[in-house]
Amino acid sequence: MSKAHSRTVVVRNPQGLHARPADMLVRMANQYTSSILISRGGEAVDCKSILSLLTLGAACGTELSLRVEGDDAEAAIDSIEQLFLRGFDEMGDEDVADNNSDRNEPGDSSESAESVGQTDSTPSA
C-alpha cells in the first residue's frame, strides 16, 4: 500500500535552486521509485527533471511544497528535506547550524512548521 507524503521546504542556500543543487535534487529523487512533485505557487513539476526544477526560479527563501507518492515515499521525502536543510552543501557549517537552531526555537512555530513541514500519510487510491 503506497502512501502520499507532503512537506514544505525552504530554499536556504544563497544562490537558490540553480543548476548544481537542481542536479543534486534530481540525482537524489532518481534513487527512489516514488513519484516526486515539487511545487511553487500553483506550478508543480517533476522532481526528477532538472529542466523542470529550473523553471521554478526558486531563490533563497522560497518555500516549495513536496508531494511524494509511492512505496518508498517516506524515505524519499526525508532525504530530499535533508538536502534543503543542508542548503545543498553550499553553506558554511555555521550557517547550517544557525538555520537548524532557528527552526527549533520554542515559540517560533511559524518558522518551525514551515521549515520542517507537515506529513500527510493518507493512503492513495
PDB file of N, CA and C in Angstrom:
ATOM      1  N   MET A   1       0.842  -1.185   0.000  1.00  0.00           N
ATOM      2  CA  MET A   1       0.000   0.000   0.000  1.00  0.00           C
ATOM      3  C   MET A   1       0.884   1.244   0.000  1.00  0.00           C
ATOM      4  N   SER A   2       0.792   2.053  -1.036  1.00  0.00           N
ATOM      5  CA  SER A   2       1.628   3.250  -1.089  1.00  0.00           C
ATOM      6  C   SER A   2       0.918   4.409  -0.399  1.00  0.00           C
ATOM      7  N   LYS A   3       1.730   5.261   0.180  1.00  0.00           N
ATOM      8  CA  LYS A   3       1.198   6.425   0.883  1.00  0.00           C
ATOM      9  C   LYS A   3       1.724   7.687   0.230  1.00  0.00           C
ATOM     10  N   ALA A   4       0.936   8.734   0.348  1.00  0.00           N
ATOM     11  CA  ALA A   4       1.362  10.044  -0.142  1.00  0.00           C
ATOM     12  C   ALA A   4       1.847  10.859   1.049  1.00  0.00           C
ATOM     13  N   HIS A   5       2.958  11.527   0.864  1.00  0.00           N
ATOM     14  CA  HIS A   5       3.519  12.390   1.905  1.00  0.00           C
ATOM     15  C   HIS A   5       3.693  13.783   1.331  1.00  0.00           C
ATOM     16  N   SER A   6       3.390  14.791   2.134  1.00  0.00           N
ATOM     17  CA  SER A   6       3.561  16.185   1.728  1.00  0.00           C
ATOM     18  C   SER A   6       4.395  16.897   2.775  1.00  0.00           C
ATOM     19  N   ARG A   7       5.214  17.819   2.308  1.00  0.00           N
ATOM     20  CA  ARG A   7       6.059  18.572   3.221  1.00  0.00           C
ATOM     21  C   ARG A   7       6.431  19.886   2.550  1.00  0.00           C
ATOM     22  N   THR A   8       6.612  20.920   3.356  1.00  0.00           N
ATOM     23  CA  THR A   8       7.072  22.209   2.860  1.00  0.00           C
ATOM     24  C   THR A   8       8.548  22.351   3.193  1.00  0.00           C
ATOM     25  N   VAL A   9       9.330  22.777   2.213  1.00  0.00           N
ATOM     26  CA  VAL A   9      10.760  23.007   2.414  1.00  0.00           C
ATOM     27  C   VAL A   9      11.074  24.434   1.988  1.00  0.00           C
ATOM     28  N   VAL A  10      12.188  24.951   2.479  1.00  0.00           N
ATOM     29  CA  VAL A  10      12.608  26.311   2.158  1.00  0.00           C
ATOM     30  C   VAL A  10      13.998  26.258   1.526  1.00  0.00           C
ATOM     31  N   VAL A  11      14.170  26.966   0.419  1.00  0.00           N
ATOM     32  CA  VAL A  11      15.479  27.066  -0.217  1.00  0.00           C
ATOM     33  C   VAL A  11      16.346  27.939   0.677  1.00  0.00           C
ATOM     34  N   ARG A  12      17.433  27.382   1.208  1.00  0.00           N
ATOM     35  CA  ARG A  12      18.267  28.085   2.176  1.00  0.00           C
ATOM     36  C   ARG A  12      19.615  28.535   1.619  1.00  0.00           C
ATOM     37  N   ASN A  13      20.079  27.908   0.551  1.00  0.00           N
ATOM     38  CA  ASN A  13      21.391  28.287   0.032  1.00  0.00           C
ATOM     39  C   ASN A  13      21.306  29.646  -0.663  1.00  0.00           C
ATOM     40  N   PRO A  14      22.349  30.453  -0.532  1.00  0.00           N
ATOM     41  CA  PRO A  14      22.306  31.839  -1.003  1.00  0.00           C
ATOM     42  C   PRO A  14      21.991  32.015  -2.486  1.00  0.00           C
ATOM     43  N   GLN A  15      22.430  31.108  -3.336  1.00  0.00           N
ATOM     44  CA  GLN A  15      22.228  31.249  -4.779  1.00  0.00           C
ATOM     45  C   GLN A  15      20.907  30.644  -5.257  1.00  0.00           C
ATOM     46  N   GLY A  16      20.133  30.070  -4.369  1.00  0.00           N
ATOM     47  CA  GLY A  16      18.852  29.492  -4.756  1.00  0.00           C
ATOM     48  C   GLY A  16      19.014  28.148  -5.451  1.00  0.00           C
ATOM     49  N   LEU A  17      17.942  27.713  -6.083  1.00  0.00           N
ATOM     50  CA  LEU A  17      17.920  26.412  -6.744  1.00  0.00           C
ATOM     51  C   LEU A  17      18.450  26.559  -8.176  1.00  0.00           C
ATOM     52  N   HIS A  18      19.780  26.752  -8.290  1.00  0.00           N
ATOM     53  CA  HIS A  18      20.427  26.871  -9.589  1.00  0.00           C
ATOM     54  C   HIS A  18      20.843  25.479 -10.062  1.00  0.00           C
ATOM     55  N   ALA A  19      21.646  25.403 -11.115  1.00  0.00           N
ATOM     56  CA  ALA A  19      21.940  24.122 -11.770  1.00  0.00           C
ATOM     57  C   ALA A  19      22.554  23.064 -10.850  1.00  0.00           C
ATOM     58  N   ARG A  20      23.539  23.424 -10.024  1.00  0.00           N
ATOM     59  CA  ARG A  20      24.188  22.411  -9.190  1.00  0.00           C
ATOM     60  C   ARG A  20      23.244  21.814  -8.161  1.00  0.00           C
ATOM     61  N   PRO A  21      22.532  22.615  -7.357  1.00  0.00           N
ATOM     62  CA  PRO A  21      21.597  21.995  -6.412  1.00  0.00           C
ATOM     63  C   PRO A  21      20.437  21.283  -7.112  1.00  0.00           C
ATOM     64  N   ALA A  22      20.018  21.790  -8.265  1.00  0.00           N
ATOM     65  CA  ALA A  22      18.959  21.102  -9.007  1.00  0.00           C
ATOM     66  C   ALA A  22      19.442  19.720  -9.443  1.00  0.00           C
ATOM     67  N   ASP A  23      20.699  19.635  -9.870  1.00  0.00           N
ATOM     68  CA  ASP A  23      21.278  18.343 -10.238  1.00  0.00           C
ATOM     69  C   ASP A  23      21.331  17.406  -9.033  1.00  0.00           C
ATOM     70  N   MET A  24      21.730  17.927  -7.880  1.00  0.00           N
ATOM     71  CA  MET A  24      21.761  17.112  -6.658  1.00  0.00           C
ATOM     72  C   MET A  24      20.369  16.585  -6.331  1.00  0.00           C
ATOM     73  N   LEU A  25      19.379  17.458  -6.483  1.00  0.00           N
ATOM     74  CA  LEU A  25      17.999  17.090  -6.183  1.00  0.00           C
ATOM     75  C   LEU A  25      17.497  16.005  -7.137  1.00  0.00           C
ATOM     76  N   VAL A  26      17.794  16.153  -8.417  1.00  0.00           N
ATOM     77  CA  VAL A  26      17.387  15.156  -9.415  1.00  0.00           C
ATOM     78  C   VAL A  26      18.060  13.812  -9.122  1.00  0.00           C
ATOM     79  N   ARG A  27      19.350  13.846  -8.814  1.00  0.00           N
ATOM     80  CA  ARG A  27      20.065  12.598  -8.501  1.00  0.00           C
ATOM     81  C   ARG A  27      19.468  11.916  -7.280  1.00  0.00           C
ATOM     82  N   MET A  28      19.132  12.705  -6.258  1.00  0.00           N
ATOM     83  CA  MET A  28      18.521  12.149  -5.053  1.00  0.00           C
ATOM     84  C   MET A  28      17.146  11.560  -5.387  1.00  0.00           C
ATOM     85  N   ALA A  29      16.338  12.307  -6.106  1.00  0.00           N
ATOM     86  CA  ALA A  29      14.979  11.863  -6.442  1.00  0.00           C
ATOM     87  C   ALA A  29      15.001  10.581  -7.269  1.00  0.00           C
ATOM     88  N   ASN A  30      15.969  10.455  -8.170  1.00  0.00           N
ATOM     89  CA  ASN A  30      16.045   9.281  -9.034  1.00  0.00           C
ATOM     90  C   ASN A  30      16.497   8.017  -8.311  1.00  0.00           C
ATOM     91  N   GLN A  31      16.880   8.138  -7.061  1.00  0.00           N
ATOM     92  CA  GLN A  31      17.213   6.960  -6.259  1.00  0.00           C
ATOM     93  C   GLN A  31      15.952   6.248  -5.760  1.00  0.00           C
ATOM     94  N   TYR A  32      14.802   6.872  -5.946  1.00  0.00           N
ATOM     95  CA  TYR A  32      13.539   6.348  -5.426  1.00  0.00           C
ATOM     96  C   TYR A  32      12.566   6.056  -6.563  1.00  0.00           C
ATOM     97  N   THR A  33      11.705   5.076  -6.336  1.00  0.00           N
ATOM     98  CA  THR A  33      10.700   4.724  -7.338  1.00  0.00           C
ATOM     99  C   THR A  33       9.450   5.584  -7.224  1.00  0.00           C
ATOM    100  N   SER A  34       9.276   6.254  -6.113  1.00  0.00           N
ATOM    101  CA  SER A  34       8.096   7.083  -5.879  1.00  0.00           C
ATOM    102  C   SER A  34       7.999   8.228  -6.874  1.00  0.00           C
ATOM    103  N   SER A  35       6.777   8.685  -7.104  1.00  0.00           N
ATOM    104  CA  SER A  35       6.522   9.895  -7.868  1.00  0.00           C
ATOM    105  C   SER A  35       6.809  11.078  -6.946  1.00  0.00           C
ATOM    106  N   ILE A  36       7.630  12.023  -7.398  1.00  0.00           N
ATOM    107  CA  ILE A  36       8.022  13.153  -6.556  1.00  0.00           C
ATOM    108  C   ILE A  36       7.735  14.443  -7.311  1.00  0.00           C
ATOM    109  N   LEU A  37       6.798  15.211  -6.785  1.00  0.00           N
ATOM    110  CA  LEU A  37       6.456  16.507  -7.369  1.00  0.00           C
ATOM    111  C   LEU A  37       6.884  17.598  -6.409  1.00  0.00           C
ATOM    112  N   ILE A  38       7.358  18.699  -6.967  1.00  0.00           N
ATOM    113  CA  ILE A  38       7.726  19.857  -6.162  1.00  0.00           C
ATOM    114  C   ILE A  38       7.015  21.057  -6.775  1.00  0.00           C
ATOM    115  N   SER A  39       6.434  21.896  -5.924  1.00  0.00           N
ATOM    116  CA  SER A  39       5.653  22.995  -6.471  1.00  0.00           C
ATOM    117  C   SER A  39       5.950  24.316  -5.775  1.00  0.00           C
ATOM    118  N   ARG A  40       5.735  25.356  -6.555  1.00  0.00           N
ATOM    119  CA  ARG A  40       5.841  26.731  -6.074  1.00  0.00           C
ATOM    120  C   ARG A  40       4.603  27.439  -6.582  1.00  0.00           C
ATOM    121  N   GLY A  41       3.830  27.963  -5.662  1.00  0.00           N
ATOM    122  CA  GLY A  41       2.559  28.564  -6.070  1.00  0.00           C
ATOM    123  C   GLY A  41       1.685  27.484  -6.654  1.00  0.00           C
ATOM    124  N   GLY A  42       1.169  27.685  -7.835  1.00  0.00           N
ATOM    125  CA  GLY A  42       0.318  26.691  -8.467  1.00  0.00           C
ATOM    126  C   GLY A  42       1.041  25.790  -9.446  1.00  0.00           C
ATOM    127  N   GLU A  43       2.362  25.989  -9.614  1.00  0.00           N
ATOM    128  CA  GLU A  43       3.118  25.220 -10.594  1.00  0.00           C
ATOM    129  C   GLU A  43       3.809  24.029  -9.941  1.00  0.00           C
ATOM    130  N   ALA A  44       3.406  22.815 -10.336  1.00  0.00           N
ATOM    131  CA  ALA A  44       4.032  21.588  -9.832  1.00  0.00           C
ATOM    132  C   ALA A  44       4.850  20.963 -10.952  1.00  0.00           C
ATOM    133  N   VAL A  45       6.083  20.554 -10.627  1.00  0.00           N
ATOM    134  CA  VAL A  45       6.962  19.949 -11.624  1.00  0.00           C
ATOM    135  C   VAL A  45       7.530  18.639 -11.090  1.00  0.00           C
ATOM    136  N   ASP A  46       8.009  17.823 -12.021  1.00  0.00           N
ATOM    137  CA  ASP A  46       8.623  16.544 -11.692  1.00  0.00           C
ATOM    138  C   ASP A  46      10.008  16.794 -11.096  1.00  0.00           C
ATOM    139  N   CYS A  47      10.221  16.287  -9.900  1.00  0.00           N
ATOM    140  CA  CYS A  47      11.486  16.497  -9.198  1.00  0.00           C
ATOM    141  C   CYS A  47      12.620  15.680  -9.820  1.00  0.00           C
ATOM    142  N   LYS A  48      12.309  14.838 -10.779  1.00  0.00           N
ATOM    143  CA  LYS A  48      13.321  14.011 -11.435  1.00  0.00           C
ATOM    144  C   LYS A  48      13.784  14.626 -12.755  1.00  0.00           C
ATOM    145  N   SER A  49      13.355  15.862 -13.025  1.00  0.00           N
ATOM    146  CA  SER A  49      13.717  16.560 -14.261  1.00  0.00           C
ATOM    147  C   SER A  49      14.410  17.881 -13.932  1.00  0.00           C
ATOM    148  N   ILE A  50      15.678  17.996 -14.292  1.00  0.00           N
ATOM    149  CA  ILE A  50      16.435  19.206 -13.967  1.00  0.00           C
ATOM    150  C   ILE A  50      15.849  20.441 -14.652  1.00  0.00           C
ATOM    151  N   LEU A  51      15.430  20.311 -15.892  1.00  0.00           N
ATOM    152  CA  LEU A  51      14.854  21.466 -16.591  1.00  0.00           C
ATOM    153  C   LEU A  51      13.566  21.931 -15.929  1.00  0.00           C
ATOM    154  N   SER A  52      12.756  20.986 -15.491  1.00  0.00           N
ATOM    155  CA  SER A  52      11.518  21.345 -14.800  1.00  0.00           C
ATOM    156  C   SER A  52      11.820  22.081 -13.495  1.00  0.00           C
ATOM    157  N   LEU A  53      12.799  21.604 -12.753  1.00  0.00           N
ATOM    158  CA  LEU A  53      13.163  22.256 -11.492  1.00  0.00           C
ATOM    159  C   LEU A  53      13.640  23.685 -11.717  1.00  0.00           C
ATOM    160  N   LEU A  54      14.435  23.883 -12.742  1.00  0.00           N
ATOM    161  CA  LEU A  54      14.973  25.216 -13.007  1.00  0.00           C
ATOM    162  C   LEU A  54      13.886  26.220 -13.394  1.00  0.00           C
ATOM    163  N   THR A  55      12.770  25.737 -13.958  1.00  0.00           N
ATOM    164  CA  THR A  55      11.682  26.651 -14.328  1.00  0.00           C
ATOM    165  C   THR A  55      10.990  27.246 -13.108  1.00  0.00           C
ATOM    166  N   LEU A  56      11.195  26.658 -11.930  1.00  0.00           N
ATOM    167  CA  LEU A  56      10.567  27.189 -10.719  1.00  0.00           C
ATOM    168  C   LEU A  56      11.161  28.538 -10.306  1.00  0.00           C
ATOM    169  N   GLY A  57      12.394  28.812 -10.704  1.00  0.00           N
ATOM    170  CA  GLY A  57      13.027  30.077 -10.342  1.00  0.00           C
ATOM    171  C   GLY A  57      13.060  30.288  -8.838  1.00  0.00           C
ATOM    172  N   ALA A  58      13.444  29.266  -8.102  1.00  0.00           N
ATOM    173  CA  ALA A  58      13.395  29.313  -6.636  1.00  0.00           C
ATOM    174  C   ALA A  58      14.658  29.949  -6.060  1.00  0.00           C
ATOM    175  N   ALA A  59      14.531  31.190  -5.618  1.00  0.00           N
ATOM    176  CA  ALA A  59      15.636  31.917  -4.994  1.00  0.00           C
ATOM    177  C   ALA A  59      15.716  31.562  -3.509  1.00  0.00           C
ATOM    178  N   CYS A  60      16.767  32.030  -2.862  1.00  0.00           N
ATOM    179  CA  CYS A  60      16.919  31.819  -1.426  1.00  0.00           C
ATOM    180  C   CYS A  60      15.689  32.349  -0.694  1.00  0.00           C
ATOM    181  N   GLY A  61      15.151  31.545   0.205  1.00  0.00           N
ATOM    182  CA  GLY A  61      13.970  31.924   0.975  1.00  0.00           C
ATOM    183  C   GLY A  61      12.657  31.447   0.384  1.00  0.00           C
ATOM    184  N   THR A  62      12.695  30.894  -0.817  1.00  0.00           N
ATOM    185  CA  THR A  62      11.478  30.412  -1.473  1.00  0.00           C
ATOM    186  C   THR A  62      10.951  29.168  -0.778  1.00  0.00           C
ATOM    187  N   GLU A  63       9.660  29.148  -0.504  1.00  0.00           N
ATOM    188  CA  GLU A  63       9.006  27.963   0.053  1.00  0.00           C
ATOM    189  C   GLU A  63       8.500  27.099  -1.089  1.00  0.00           C
ATOM    190  N   LEU A  64       8.801  25.823  -1.009  1.00  0.00           N
ATOM    191  CA  LEU A  64       8.373  24.860  -2.012  1.00  0.00           C
ATOM    192  C   LEU A  64       7.609  23.746  -1.316  1.00  0.00           C
ATOM    193  N   SER A  65       6.636  23.189  -2.002  1.00  0.00           N
ATOM    194  CA  SER A  65       5.868  22.073  -1.464  1.00  0.00           C
ATOM    195  C   SER A  65       6.280  20.793  -2.165  1.00  0.00           C
ATOM    196  N   LEU A  66       6.562  19.782  -1.369  1.00  0.00           N
ATOM    197  CA  LEU A  66       6.884  18.459  -1.895  1.00  0.00           C
ATOM    198  C   LEU A  66       5.676  17.555  -1.748  1.00  0.00           C
ATOM    199  N   ARG A  67       5.418  16.742  -2.758  1.00  0.00           N
ATOM    200  CA  ARG A  67       4.382  15.711  -2.678  1.00  0.00           C
ATOM    201  C   ARG A  67       5.000  14.447  -3.254  1.00  0.00           C
ATOM    202  N   VAL A  68       5.111  13.434  -2.415  1.00  0.00           N
ATOM    203  CA  VAL A  68       5.772  12.195  -2.797  1.00  0.00           C
ATOM    204  C   VAL A  68       4.797  11.048  -2.576  1.00  0.00           C
ATOM    205  N   GLU A  69       4.664  10.213  -3.602  1.00  0.00           N
ATOM    206  CA  GLU A  69       3.741   9.089  -3.518  1.00  0.00           C
ATOM    207  C   GLU A  69       4.399   7.834  -4.067  1.00  0.00           C
ATOM    208  N   GLY A  70       4.360   6.776  -3.269  1.00  0.00           N
ATOM    209  CA  GLY A  70       4.928   5.507  -3.697  1.00  0.00           C
ATOM    210  C   GLY A  70       5.362   4.683  -2.498  1.00  0.00           C
ATOM    211  N   ASP A  71       5.901   3.511  -2.799  1.00  0.00           N
ATOM    212  CA  ASP A  71       6.289   2.594  -1.732  1.00  0.00           C
ATOM    213  C   ASP A  71       7.446   3.107  -0.882  1.00  0.00           C
ATOM    214  N   ASP A  72       8.327   3.907  -1.457  1.00  0.00           N
ATOM    215  CA  ASP A  72       9.461   4.435  -0.699  1.00  0.00           C
ATOM    216  C   ASP A  72       9.327   5.949  -0.458  1.00  0.00           C
ATOM    217  N   ALA A  73       8.101   6.418  -0.400  1.00  0.00           N
ATOM    218  CA  ALA A  73       7.825   7.857  -0.287  1.00  0.00           C
ATOM    219  C   ALA A  73       8.396   8.479   0.982  1.00  0.00           C
ATOM    220  N   GLU A  74       8.271   7.791   2.096  1.00  0.00           N
ATOM    221  CA  GLU A  74       8.751   8.370   3.355  1.00  0.00           C
ATOM    222  C   GLU A  74      10.268   8.564   3.323  1.00  0.00           C
ATOM    223  N   ALA A  75      10.995   7.569   2.855  1.00  0.00           N
ATOM    224  CA  ALA A  75      12.452   7.694   2.755  1.00  0.00           C
ATOM    225  C   ALA A  75      12.828   8.794   1.760  1.00  0.00           C
ATOM    226  N   ALA A  76      12.112   8.872   0.657  1.00  0.00           N
ATOM    227  CA  ALA A  76      12.406   9.874  -0.367  1.00  0.00           C
ATOM    228  C   ALA A  76      12.201  11.286   0.177  1.00  0.00           C
ATOM    229  N   ILE A  77      11.085  11.533   0.826  1.00  0.00           N
ATOM    230  CA  ILE A  77      10.803  12.890   1.296  1.00  0.00           C
ATOM    231  C   ILE A  77      11.752  13.290   2.418  1.00  0.00           C
ATOM    232  N   ASP A  78      12.135  12.336   3.254  1.00  0.00           N
ATOM    233  CA  ASP A  78      13.105  12.630   4.318  1.00  0.00           C
ATOM    234  C   ASP A  78      14.460  13.010   3.733  1.00  0.00           C
ATOM    235  N   SER A  79      14.920  12.263   2.732  1.00  0.00           N
ATOM    236  CA  SER A  79      16.219  12.537   2.106  1.00  0.00           C
ATOM    237  C   SER A  79      16.223  13.890   1.406  1.00  0.00           C
ATOM    238  N   ILE A  80      15.158  14.189   0.703  1.00  0.00           N
ATOM    239  CA  ILE A  80      15.068  15.464  -0.015  1.00  0.00           C
ATOM    240  C   ILE A  80      15.012  16.625   0.973  1.00  0.00           C
ATOM    241  N   GLU A  81      14.267  16.457   2.044  1.00  0.00           N
ATOM    242  CA  GLU A  81      14.208  17.513   3.054  1.00  0.00           C
ATOM    243  C   GLU A  81      15.601  17.798   3.618  1.00  0.00           C
ATOM    244  N   GLN A  82      16.394  16.764   3.837  1.00  0.00           N
ATOM    245  CA  GLN A  82      17.739  16.951   4.365  1.00  0.00           C
ATOM    246  C   GLN A  82      18.623  17.771   3.407  1.00  0.00           C
ATOM    247  N   LEU A  83      18.470  17.542   2.101  1.00  0.00           N
ATOM    248  CA  LEU A  83      19.211  18.357   1.129  1.00  0.00           C
ATOM    249  C   LEU A  83      18.896  19.840   1.307  1.00  0.00           C
ATOM    250  N   PHE A  84      17.614  20.148   1.457  1.00  0.00           N
ATOM    251  CA  PHE A  84      17.206  21.540   1.646  1.00  0.00           C
ATOM    252  C   PHE A  84      17.718  22.091   2.975  1.00  0.00           C
ATOM    253  N   LEU A  85      17.636  21.305   4.037  1.00  0.00           N
ATOM    254  CA  LEU A  85      18.094  21.767   5.348  1.00  0.00           C
ATOM    255  C   LEU A  85      19.598  22.033   5.357  1.00  0.00           C
ATOM    256  N   ARG A  86      20.350  21.265   4.586  1.00  0.00           N
ATOM    257  CA  ARG A  86      21.803  21.458   4.490  1.00  0.00           C
ATOM    258  C   ARG A  86      22.172  22.569   3.512  1.00  0.00           C
ATOM    259  N   GLY A  87      21.199  23.176   2.883  1.00  0.00           N
ATOM    260  CA  GLY A  87      21.485  24.220   1.905  1.00  0.00           C
ATOM    261  C   GLY A  87      22.251  23.678   0.716  1.00  0.00           C
ATOM    262  N   PHE A  88      21.984  22.409   0.367  1.00  0.00           N
ATOM    263  CA  PHE A  88      22.655  21.753  -0.757  1.00  0.00           C
ATOM    264  C   PHE A  88      24.173  21.830  -0.616  1.00  0.00           C
ATOM    265  N   ASP A  89      24.640  21.806   0.624  1.00  0.00           N
ATOM    266  CA  ASP A  89      26.083  21.825   0.935  1.00  0.00           C
ATOM    267  C   ASP A  89      26.781  23.064   0.391  1.00  0.00           C
ATOM    268  N   GLU A  90      26.033  24.144   0.207  1.00  0.00           N
ATOM    269  CA  GLU A  90      26.621  25.402  -0.267  1.00  0.00           C
ATOM    270  C   GLU A  90      26.790  26.428   0.843  1.00  0.00           C
ATOM    271  N   MET A  91      26.428  26.055   2.043  1.00  0.00           N
ATOM    272  CA  MET A  91      26.507  26.980   3.167  1.00  0.00           C
ATOM    273  C   MET A  91      27.607  26.513   4.108  1.00  0.00           C
ATOM    274  N   GLY A  92      28.223  27.444   4.823  1.00  0.00           N
ATOM    275  CA  GLY A  92      29.215  27.068   5.833  1.00  0.00           C
ATOM    276  C   GLY A  92      28.546  26.332   6.978  1.00  0.00           C
ATOM    277  N   ASP A  93      29.318  25.598   7.747  1.00  0.00           N
ATOM    278  CA  ASP A  93      28.778  24.843   8.878  1.00  0.00           C
ATOM    279  C   ASP A  93      28.037  25.747   9.860  1.00  0.00           C
ATOM    280  N   GLU A  94      28.556  26.960  10.054  1.00  0.00           N
ATOM    281  CA  GLU A  94      27.925  27.897  10.977  1.00  0.00           C
ATOM    282  C   GLU A  94      26.535  28.298  10.489  1.00  0.00           C
ATOM    283  N   ASP A  95      26.392  28.540   9.172  1.00  0.00           N
ATOM    284  CA  ASP A  95      25.100  28.913   8.603  1.00  0.00           C
ATOM    285  C   ASP A  95      24.088  27.791   8.754  1.00  0.00           C
ATOM    286  N   VAL A  96      24.515  26.556   8.515  1.00  0.00           N
ATOM    287  CA  VAL A  96      23.621  25.410   8.643  1.00  0.00           C
ATOM    288  C   VAL A  96      23.182  25.260  10.093  1.00  0.00           C
ATOM    289  N   ALA A  97      24.117  25.405  11.035  1.00  0.00           N
ATOM    290  CA  ALA A  97      23.776  25.297  12.457  1.00  0.00           C
ATOM    291  C   ALA A  97      22.785  26.387  12.845  1.00  0.00           C
ATOM    292  N   ASP A  98      22.990  27.615  12.335  1.00  0.00           N
ATOM    293  CA  ASP A  98      22.068  28.703  12.625  1.00  0.00           C
ATOM    294  C   ASP A  98      20.677  28.377  12.101  1.00  0.00           C
ATOM    295  N   ASN A  99      20.582  27.863  10.886  1.00  0.00           N
ATOM    296  CA  ASN A  99      19.287  27.522  10.304  1.00  0.00           C
ATOM    297  C   ASN A  99      18.614  26.404  11.074  1.00  0.00           C
ATOM    298  N   ASN A 100      19.361  25.400  11.493  1.00  0.00           N
ATOM    299  CA  ASN A 100      18.773  24.299  12.242  1.00  0.00           C
ATOM    300  C   ASN A 100      18.321  24.752  13.617  1.00  0.00           C
ATOM    301  N   SER A 101      19.090  25.630  14.288  1.00  0.00           N
ATOM    302  CA  SER A 101      18.665  26.100  15.596  1.00  0.00           C
ATOM    303  C   SER A 101      17.486  27.049  15.463  1.00  0.00           C
ATOM    304  N   ASP A 102      17.432  27.826  14.385  1.00  0.00           N
ATOM    305  CA  ASP A 102      16.302  28.731  14.163  1.00  0.00           C
ATOM    306  C   ASP A 102      14.997  27.962  14.093  1.00  0.00           C
ATOM    307  N   ARG A 103      15.003  26.825  13.422  1.00  0.00           N
ATOM    308  CA  ARG A 103      13.751  26.096  13.240  1.00  0.00           C
ATOM    309  C   ARG A 103      13.325  25.356  14.493  1.00  0.00           C
ATOM    310  N   ASN A 104      14.206  25.261  15.494  1.00  0.00           N
ATOM    311  CA  ASN A 104      13.867  24.564  16.727  1.00  0.00           C
ATOM    312  C   ASN A 104      13.603  25.514  17.887  1.00  0.00           C
ATOM    313  N   GLU A 105      13.576  26.820  17.620  1.00  0.00           N
ATOM    314  CA  GLU A 105      13.340  27.796  18.671  1.00  0.00           C
ATOM    315  C   GLU A 105      11.943  27.624  19.252  1.00  0.00           C
ATOM    316  N   PRO A 106      11.827  27.534  20.595  1.00  0.00           N
ATOM    317  CA  PRO A 106      10.489  27.485  21.175  1.00  0.00           C
ATOM    318  C   PRO A 106       9.759  28.804  20.945  1.00  0.00           C
ATOM    319  N   GLY A 107       8.483  28.710  20.671  1.00  0.00           N
ATOM    320  CA  GLY A 107       7.678  29.899  20.476  1.00  0.00           C
ATOM    321  C   GLY A 107       7.694  30.432  19.057  1.00  0.00           C
ATOM    322  N   ASP A 108       8.483  29.855  18.185  1.00  0.00           N
ATOM    323  CA  ASP A 108       8.535  30.303  16.795  1.00  0.00           C
ATOM    324  C   ASP A 108       7.926  29.227  15.919  1.00  0.00           C
ATOM    325  N   SER A 109       6.656  28.949  16.134  1.00  0.00           N
ATOM    326  CA  SER A 109       6.003  27.829  15.468  1.00  0.00           C
ATOM    327  C   SER A 109       5.851  28.041  13.972  1.00  0.00           C
ATOM    328  N   SER A 110       5.747  29.301  13.511  1.00  0.00           N
ATOM    329  CA  SER A 110       5.578  29.505  12.073  1.00  0.00           C
ATOM    330  C   SER A 110       6.822  29.078  11.318  1.00  0.00           C
ATOM    331  N   GLU A 111       8.015  29.423  11.777  1.00  0.00           N
ATOM    332  CA  GLU A 111       9.251  29.011  11.114  1.00  0.00           C
ATOM    333  C   GLU A 111       9.426  27.510  11.227  1.00  0.00           C
ATOM    334  N   SER A 112       9.152  26.968  12.406  1.00  0.00           N
ATOM    335  CA  SER A 112       9.332  25.537  12.612  1.00  0.00           C
ATOM    336  C   SER A 112       8.401  24.730  11.725  1.00  0.00           C
ATOM    337  N   ALA A 113       7.148  25.108  11.654  1.00  0.00           N
ATOM    338  CA  ALA A 113       6.182  24.353  10.857  1.00  0.00           C
ATOM    339  C   ALA A 113       6.493  24.476   9.373  1.00  0.00           C
ATOM    340  N   GLU A 114       6.927  25.645   8.928  1.00  0.00           N
ATOM    341  CA  GLU A 114       7.189  25.832   7.502  1.00  0.00           C
ATOM    342  C   GLU A 114       8.507  25.205   7.093  1.00  0.00           C
ATOM    343  N   SER A 115       9.512  25.233   7.977  1.00  0.00           N
ATOM    344  CA  SER A 115      10.810  24.670   7.614  1.00  0.00           C
ATOM    345  C   SER A 115      10.772  23.159   7.591  1.00  0.00           C
ATOM    346  N   VAL A 116      10.147  22.585   8.595  1.00  0.00           N
ATOM    347  CA  VAL A 116      10.116  21.137   8.694  1.00  0.00           C
ATOM    348  C   VAL A 116       8.993  20.587   7.855  1.00  0.00           C
ATOM    349  N   GLY A 117       7.863  21.277   7.831  1.00  0.00           N
ATOM    350  CA  GLY A 117       6.735  20.838   7.009  1.00  0.00           C
ATOM    351  C   GLY A 117       5.858  19.834   7.727  1.00  0.00           C
ATOM    352  N   GLN A 118       4.806  19.473   7.078  1.00  0.00           N
ATOM    353  CA  GLN A 118       3.845  18.538   7.626  1.00  0.00           C
ATOM    354  C   GLN A 118       3.806  17.312   6.739  1.00  0.00           C
ATOM    355  N   THR A 119       3.569  16.160   7.337  1.00  0.00           N
ATOM    356  CA  THR A 119       3.479  14.936   6.560  1.00  0.00           C
ATOM    357  C   THR A 119       2.037  14.482   6.533  1.00  0.00           C
ATOM    358  N   ASP A 120       1.545  14.177   5.334  1.00  0.00           N
ATOM    359  CA  ASP A 120       0.204  13.674   5.149  1.00  0.00           C
ATOM    360  C   ASP A 120       0.337  12.203   4.779  1.00  0.00           C
ATOM    361  N   SER A 121      -0.109  11.323   5.664  1.00  0.00           N
ATOM    362  CA  SER A 121       0.070   9.886   5.426  1.00  0.00           C
ATOM    363  C   SER A 121      -1.223   9.226   5.011  1.00  0.00           C
ATOM    364  N   THR A 122      -1.956   9.878   4.131  1.00  0.00           N
ATOM    365  CA  THR A 122      -3.205   9.288   3.669  1.00  0.00           C
ATOM    366  C   THR A 122      -2.926   8.271   2.576  1.00  0.00           C
ATOM    367  N   PRO A 123      -3.578   7.114   2.663  1.00  0.00           N
ATOM    368  CA  PRO A 123      -3.362   6.112   1.616  1.00  0.00           C
ATOM    369  C   PRO A 123      -3.899   6.607   0.277  1.00  0.00           C
ATOM    370  N   SER A 124      -3.210   6.266  -0.782  1.00  0.00           N
ATOM    371  CA  SER A 124      -3.682   6.670  -2.106  1.00  0.00           C
ATOM    372  C   SER A 124      -4.542   5.574  -2.695  1.00  0.00           C
ATOM    373  N   ALA A 125      -5.379   5.971  -3.625  1.00  0.00           N
ATOM    374  CA  ALA A 125      -6.300   5.007  -4.229  1.00  0.00           C
ATOM    375  C   ALA A 125      -5.618   4.143  -5.247  1.00  0.00           C
TER     376      ALA A 125
END
